[in-house]
Amino acid sequence: MSRQIPRRPSRTSTPRPRKIAGRDETAVDATVPADAPAADAPAGAPGKPAAPAPPAARKPSLAKPAATSPAATEPAADSDQGSTGRTSTLLAVVGVLVVLLALQCGWFAWNAVRDEAVSAAPAASRDEDGPIAVPSGRPVVLNQVSVQGGVEAAAAAAQVMFARNWKTYDQGVEDAVALMTEDFGEEFRTTTDDVEAEFVRKKTEVQVRVVAQSVVRANETELEALIFLNQYVFRGEGENGTSTYTPYRALMTMVHTDAGWLVDGVDTK
């Protein structure tokens, strides 16, 4: 019986690749260690932690930033300017009112002092050239409101006194006398009665228009007014009628009574 010889275990070896013409054998024979990670191993492969990915570059926004519209800021500016303008206007109006009030107070005070001075003036210093007694060099010592009322009353009376119509002659005389003092009314009635017959016979109509008026003298109770008039006289009727125009002036003396300003004298020129 023959003895069995133990067989030597075969060595496991890596099969050698076949040599290919034109290929570098050293490159083929290079053995890659089993534990070496693959070069192109994906992130997270076992054996090596994945390197953190670099932050993605932020792309610049192509959208333009919204421009601030000038109109968006204008209302606020306009509002401030408008408020400032209104305040300035209000202050200007208040200032004007204060000035006017001060002037009015000064005017009233001046008139009060003037009236007191006139009342206290001695008789010897008064101007006696006219029918109304006034201080020398100061023909008007009455306040403006009273002067205006007296002159307007004289102008209204002149239109009634000097206008006449032959159809209503008597009524015209009565209307004029109602604007006069008692003494002057009687004198005026006498004058009109003397010319009534001739006036009616010629069918005369007189129209008067006041074109200007002013004060000449004035004190606390009397006033002298100069009235400028245009007088139109019509005589006859129809084709035989005639007309004349005459401008003239009348110096009227007015007296202040409980019934207002009344005519106390007339001088025509």
Protein backbone atom coordinates (compact mmCIF):
# COMPACT_ATOMS: atom_id res chain seq x y z
CA MET A 1 0.00 0.00 0.00
CA SER A 2 1.39 3.23 -1.04
CA ARG A 3 1.61 6.25 1.31
CA GLN A 4 -0.52 9.23 0.40
CA ILE A 5 1.40 12.38 0.16
CA PRO A 6 -0.56 15.35 1.46
CA ARG A 7 -1.32 17.81 -1.18
CA ARG A 8 0.00 21.35 -0.69
CA PRO A 9 -2.82 23.78 -0.57
CA SER A 10 -2.97 25.88 -3.64
CA ARG A 11 -2.14 29.59 -3.30
CA THR A 12 -4.88 31.85 -4.24
CA SER A 13 -3.52 34.41 -6.55
CA THR A 14 -4.90 37.11 -8.65
CA PRO A 15 -5.06 35.96 -12.19
CA ARG A 16 -2.74 37.87 -14.34
CA PRO A 17 -4.36 39.60 -17.25
CA ARG A 18 -3.41 38.64 -20.62
CA LYS A 19 -0.83 40.75 -22.27
CA ILE A 20 -2.20 42.80 -25.05
CA ALA A 21 0.05 44.13 -27.73
CA GLY A 22 0.63 47.91 -27.48
CA ARG A 23 -0.49 48.22 -23.86
CA ASP A 24 1.83 49.10 -21.01
CA GLU A 25 1.93 46.13 -18.77
CA THR A 26 2.98 48.12 -15.73
CA ALA A 27 -0.14 50.14 -15.87
CA VAL A 28 -2.26 47.04 -16.16
CA ASP A 29 -0.45 45.28 -13.39
CA ALA A 30 -0.90 48.13 -10.96
CA THR A 31 -3.01 46.76 -8.20
CA VAL A 32 -5.43 49.02 -6.45
CA PRO A 33 -5.72 48.25 -2.71
CA ALA A 34 -9.03 46.81 -1.77
CA ASP A 35 -9.60 49.31 0.96
CA ALA A 36 -8.88 52.37 -1.23
CA PRO A 37 -11.97 54.36 -1.99
CA ALA A 38 -13.02 54.75 -5.53
CA ALA A 39 -12.04 58.07 -7.04
CA ASP A 40 -15.46 58.69 -8.46
CA ALA A 41 -17.29 57.35 -5.42
CA PRO A 42 -20.53 59.26 -4.92
CA ALA A 43 -20.99 61.47 -1.90
CA GLY A 44 -22.05 59.48 1.13
CA ALA A 45 -20.35 56.30 0.05
CA PRO A 46 -19.14 54.19 2.95
CA GLY A 47 -15.59 54.69 3.99
CA LYS A 48 -15.38 58.53 3.77
CA PRO A 49 -17.79 61.25 4.86
CA ALA A 50 -19.11 63.45 2.09
CA ALA A 51 -17.54 66.87 1.90
CA PRO A 52 -20.03 69.66 2.37
CA ALA A 53 -21.17 71.16 -0.88
CA PRO A 54 -20.00 74.71 -1.47
CA PRO A 55 -22.73 77.32 -1.15
CA ALA A 56 -24.40 78.04 -4.41
CA ALA A 57 -23.47 81.38 -5.81
CA ARG A 58 -26.41 83.74 -5.60
CA LYS A 59 -27.30 85.02 -8.96
CA PRO A 60 -27.69 88.77 -9.16
CA SER A 61 -31.28 89.84 -9.42
CA LEU A 62 -32.11 91.32 -12.76
CA ALA A 63 -35.04 93.24 -11.32
CA LYS A 64 -34.30 96.93 -10.81
CA PRO A 65 -35.01 98.32 -7.38
CA ALA A 66 -38.22 100.26 -7.29
CA ALA A 67 -37.39 103.92 -7.67
CA THR A 68 -38.98 106.29 -5.25
CA SER A 69 -41.53 108.26 -7.16
CA PRO A 70 -41.23 112.03 -6.69
CA ALA A 71 -45.01 112.16 -6.66
CA ALA A 72 -44.98 109.96 -3.53
CA THR A 73 -43.12 112.64 -1.58
CA GLU A 74 -44.71 115.67 -3.17
CA PRO A 75 -48.07 115.52 -1.32
CA ALA A 76 -46.36 115.75 2.05
CA ALA A 77 -44.25 118.69 0.89
CA ASP A 78 -47.28 120.35 -0.72
CA SER A 79 -49.26 119.79 2.47
CA ASP A 80 -46.56 121.47 4.57
CA GLN A 81 -46.29 124.36 2.13
CA GLY A 82 -50.07 124.74 1.99
CA SER A 83 -50.29 124.76 5.77
CA THR A 84 -47.54 127.36 6.01
CA GLY A 85 -49.21 129.50 3.32
CA ARG A 86 -52.58 129.41 5.10
CA THR A 87 -50.95 130.38 8.37
CA SER A 88 -49.16 133.31 6.75
CA THR A 89 -52.37 134.50 5.07
CA LEU A 90 -54.30 134.28 8.34
CA LEU A 91 -51.63 136.26 10.18
CA ALA A 92 -51.66 138.91 7.44
CA VAL A 93 -55.47 139.26 7.63
CA VAL A 94 -55.36 139.53 11.42
CA GLY A 95 -52.65 142.19 11.16
CA VAL A 96 -54.72 144.24 8.70
CA LEU A 97 -57.81 144.02 10.93
CA VAL A 98 -55.79 145.17 13.94
CA VAL A 99 -54.45 148.17 12.00
CA LEU A 100 -57.93 149.12 10.75
CA LEU A 101 -59.36 148.84 14.26
CA ALA A 102 -56.59 151.03 15.63
CA LEU A 103 -57.20 153.65 12.92
CA GLN A 104 -60.94 153.65 13.58
CA CYS A 105 -60.40 154.09 17.33
CA GLY A 106 -58.00 156.93 16.62
CA TRP A 107 -60.50 158.58 14.28
CA PHE A 108 -63.28 158.47 16.89
CA ALA A 109 -60.94 159.78 19.57
CA TRP A 110 -59.81 162.64 17.31
CA ASN A 111 -63.40 163.64 16.56
CA ALA A 112 -64.29 163.57 20.25
CA VAL A 113 -61.34 165.81 21.12
CA ARG A 114 -62.13 168.12 18.22
CA ASP A 115 -65.78 168.51 19.25
CA GLU A 116 -64.75 169.30 22.82
CA ALA A 117 -62.27 171.92 21.60
CA VAL A 118 -64.93 173.57 19.41
CA SER A 119 -67.43 173.69 22.26
CA ALA A 120 -64.83 175.27 24.56
CA ALA A 121 -63.65 177.85 21.99
CA PRO A 122 -64.55 181.46 22.93
CA ALA A 123 -67.04 183.31 20.77
CA ALA A 124 -64.45 185.91 19.74
CA SER A 125 -62.41 183.27 17.91
CA ARG A 126 -65.30 182.15 15.75
CA ASP A 127 -65.69 182.92 12.07
CA GLU A 128 -68.73 185.13 11.62
CA ASP A 129 -68.32 185.63 7.85
CA GLY A 130 -71.07 183.10 7.07
CA PRO A 131 -74.47 182.32 8.59
CA ILE A 132 -73.00 179.34 10.46
CA ALA A 133 -70.66 180.01 13.39
CA VAL A 134 -67.44 177.98 13.11
CA PRO A 135 -63.89 178.44 14.49
CA SER A 136 -61.60 180.64 12.41
CA GLY A 137 -59.75 178.54 9.85
CA ARG A 138 -61.88 175.46 10.54
CA PRO A 139 -65.10 175.68 8.52
CA VAL A 140 -66.18 172.10 9.27
CA VAL A 141 -66.20 170.92 12.90
CA LEU A 142 -68.91 168.28 12.59
CA ASN A 143 -68.03 164.59 12.42
CA GLN A 144 -68.00 162.99 8.97
CA VAL A 145 -71.10 160.85 9.49
CA SER A 146 -73.29 163.82 10.40
CA VAL A 147 -71.83 165.93 7.59
CA GLN A 148 -72.62 163.26 5.02
CA GLY A 149 -76.19 162.93 6.29
CA GLY A 150 -76.74 166.69 6.11
CA VAL A 151 -75.33 167.05 2.58
CA GLU A 152 -77.40 164.13 1.28
CA ALA A 153 -80.54 165.67 2.83
CA ALA A 154 -79.77 168.98 1.09
CA ALA A 155 -79.34 167.27 -2.30
CA ALA A 156 -82.63 165.38 -1.94
CA ALA A 157 -84.46 168.55 -0.92
CA ALA A 158 -83.05 170.45 -3.93
CA GLN A 159 -84.52 167.94 -6.37
CA VAL A 160 -87.99 168.42 -4.83
CA MET A 161 -87.79 172.20 -4.37
CA PHE A 162 -86.60 173.12 -7.87
CA ALA A 163 -88.59 170.55 -9.85
CA ARG A 164 -92.17 171.44 -10.75
CA ASN A 165 -95.01 170.35 -13.08
CA TRP A 166 -97.85 172.65 -14.10
CA LYS A 167 -100.33 169.75 -13.78
CA THR A 168 -99.42 169.11 -10.11
CA TYR A 169 -98.12 172.51 -9.12
CA ASP A 170 -99.79 172.80 -5.69
CA GLN A 171 -98.80 169.28 -4.65
CA GLY A 172 -95.19 169.98 -5.65
CA VAL A 173 -95.14 173.05 -3.41
CA GLU A 174 -96.51 171.10 -0.43
CA ASP A 175 -93.91 168.35 -0.90
CA ALA A 176 -91.12 170.95 -0.86
CA VAL A 177 -92.46 172.79 2.20
CA ALA A 178 -92.45 169.49 4.14
CA LEU A 179 -88.63 169.46 3.85
CA MET A 180 -88.18 173.00 5.29
CA THR A 181 -88.25 174.70 8.64
CA GLU A 182 -91.50 176.47 9.49
CA ASP A 183 -90.19 180.01 8.88
CA PHE A 184 -88.48 179.21 5.60
CA GLY A 185 -91.49 177.18 4.45
CA GLU A 186 -93.77 180.21 4.73
CA GLU A 187 -91.28 182.33 2.76
CA PHE A 188 -91.01 179.67 0.04
CA ARG A 189 -94.80 179.32 -0.27
CA THR A 190 -95.18 183.08 -0.83
CA THR A 191 -92.63 183.02 -3.67
CA THR A 192 -94.25 180.10 -5.47
CA ASP A 193 -97.73 181.60 -5.23
CA ASP A 194 -96.54 184.68 -7.11
CA VAL A 195 -95.43 182.69 -10.17
CA GLU A 196 -98.06 179.97 -10.21
CA ALA A 197 -100.39 181.62 -12.73
CA GLU A 198 -97.64 182.21 -15.31
CA PHE A 199 -96.25 178.71 -14.74
CA VAL A 200 -99.58 177.03 -15.45
CA ARG A 201 -100.45 179.26 -18.41
CA LYS A 202 -97.26 178.30 -20.28
CA LYS A 203 -97.65 174.63 -19.33
CA THR A 204 -94.20 174.58 -17.82
CA GLU A 205 -92.45 171.53 -16.47
CA VAL A 206 -89.09 171.73 -14.66
CA GLN A 207 -86.84 168.70 -14.13
CA VAL A 208 -83.73 168.86 -11.95
CA ARG A 209 -80.77 166.52 -11.63
CA VAL A 210 -78.09 166.83 -8.94
CA VAL A 211 -74.61 166.29 -10.42
CA ALA A 212 -72.39 167.11 -7.39
CA GLN A 213 -72.59 168.08 -3.73
CA SER A 214 -70.21 169.12 -0.95
CA VAL A 215 -70.10 170.75 2.48
CA VAL A 216 -69.03 174.38 2.96
CA ARG A 217 -69.47 174.93 6.69
CA ALA A 218 -70.79 172.79 9.49
CA ASN A 219 -71.10 172.83 13.26
CA GLU A 220 -73.07 170.75 15.74
CA THR A 221 -76.53 172.02 14.67
CA GLU A 222 -76.15 173.74 11.28
CA LEU A 223 -74.68 172.90 7.92
CA GLU A 224 -74.11 174.74 4.64
CA ALA A 225 -74.11 172.54 1.52
CA LEU A 226 -73.19 173.49 -2.06
CA ILE A 227 -75.35 171.64 -4.60
CA PHE A 228 -74.59 171.59 -8.35
CA LEU A 229 -77.66 171.00 -10.54
CA ASN A 230 -78.70 170.64 -14.16
CA GLN A 231 -82.13 172.17 -14.82
CA TYR A 232 -84.28 171.18 -17.82
CA VAL A 233 -87.29 173.44 -18.54
CA PHE A 234 -90.04 172.31 -20.97
CA ARG A 235 -92.76 174.72 -22.08
CA GLY A 236 -95.82 173.87 -24.17
CA GLU A 237 -96.76 170.51 -25.63
CA GLY A 238 -96.46 168.78 -28.97
CA GLU A 239 -94.75 170.45 -31.92
CA ASN A 240 -95.00 173.89 -30.30
CA GLY A 241 -93.11 172.79 -27.21
CA THR A 242 -89.69 174.21 -26.32
CA SER A 243 -86.96 173.15 -23.94
CA THR A 244 -83.95 174.77 -22.31
CA TYR A 245 -81.04 173.47 -20.26
CA THR A 246 -79.37 175.48 -17.49
CA PRO A 247 -76.60 174.36 -15.11
CA TYR A 248 -76.54 176.25 -11.82
CA ARG A 249 -75.66 175.83 -8.17
CA ALA A 250 -77.49 176.38 -4.92
CA LEU A 251 -76.06 177.13 -1.48
CA MET A 252 -78.45 175.51 0.97
CA THR A 253 -78.53 176.06 4.73
CA MET A 254 -79.60 172.99 6.68
CA VAL A 255 -80.64 172.82 10.35
CA HIS A 256 -80.58 169.64 12.39
CA THR A 257 -83.88 169.13 14.25
CA ASP A 258 -85.74 166.29 15.93
CA ALA A 259 -87.19 165.50 12.49
CA GLY A 260 -83.75 165.36 10.88
CA TRP A 261 -82.03 167.87 8.59
CA LEU A 262 -84.41 170.56 7.27
CA VAL A 263 -83.83 173.39 4.75
CA ASP A 264 -83.58 176.82 6.41
CA GLY A 265 -82.32 178.90 3.49
CA VAL A 266 -81.38 178.82 -0.20
CA ASP A 267 -79.12 181.04 -2.31
CA THR A 268 -79.02 180.16 -6.03
CA LYS A 269 -76.33 181.28 -8.49
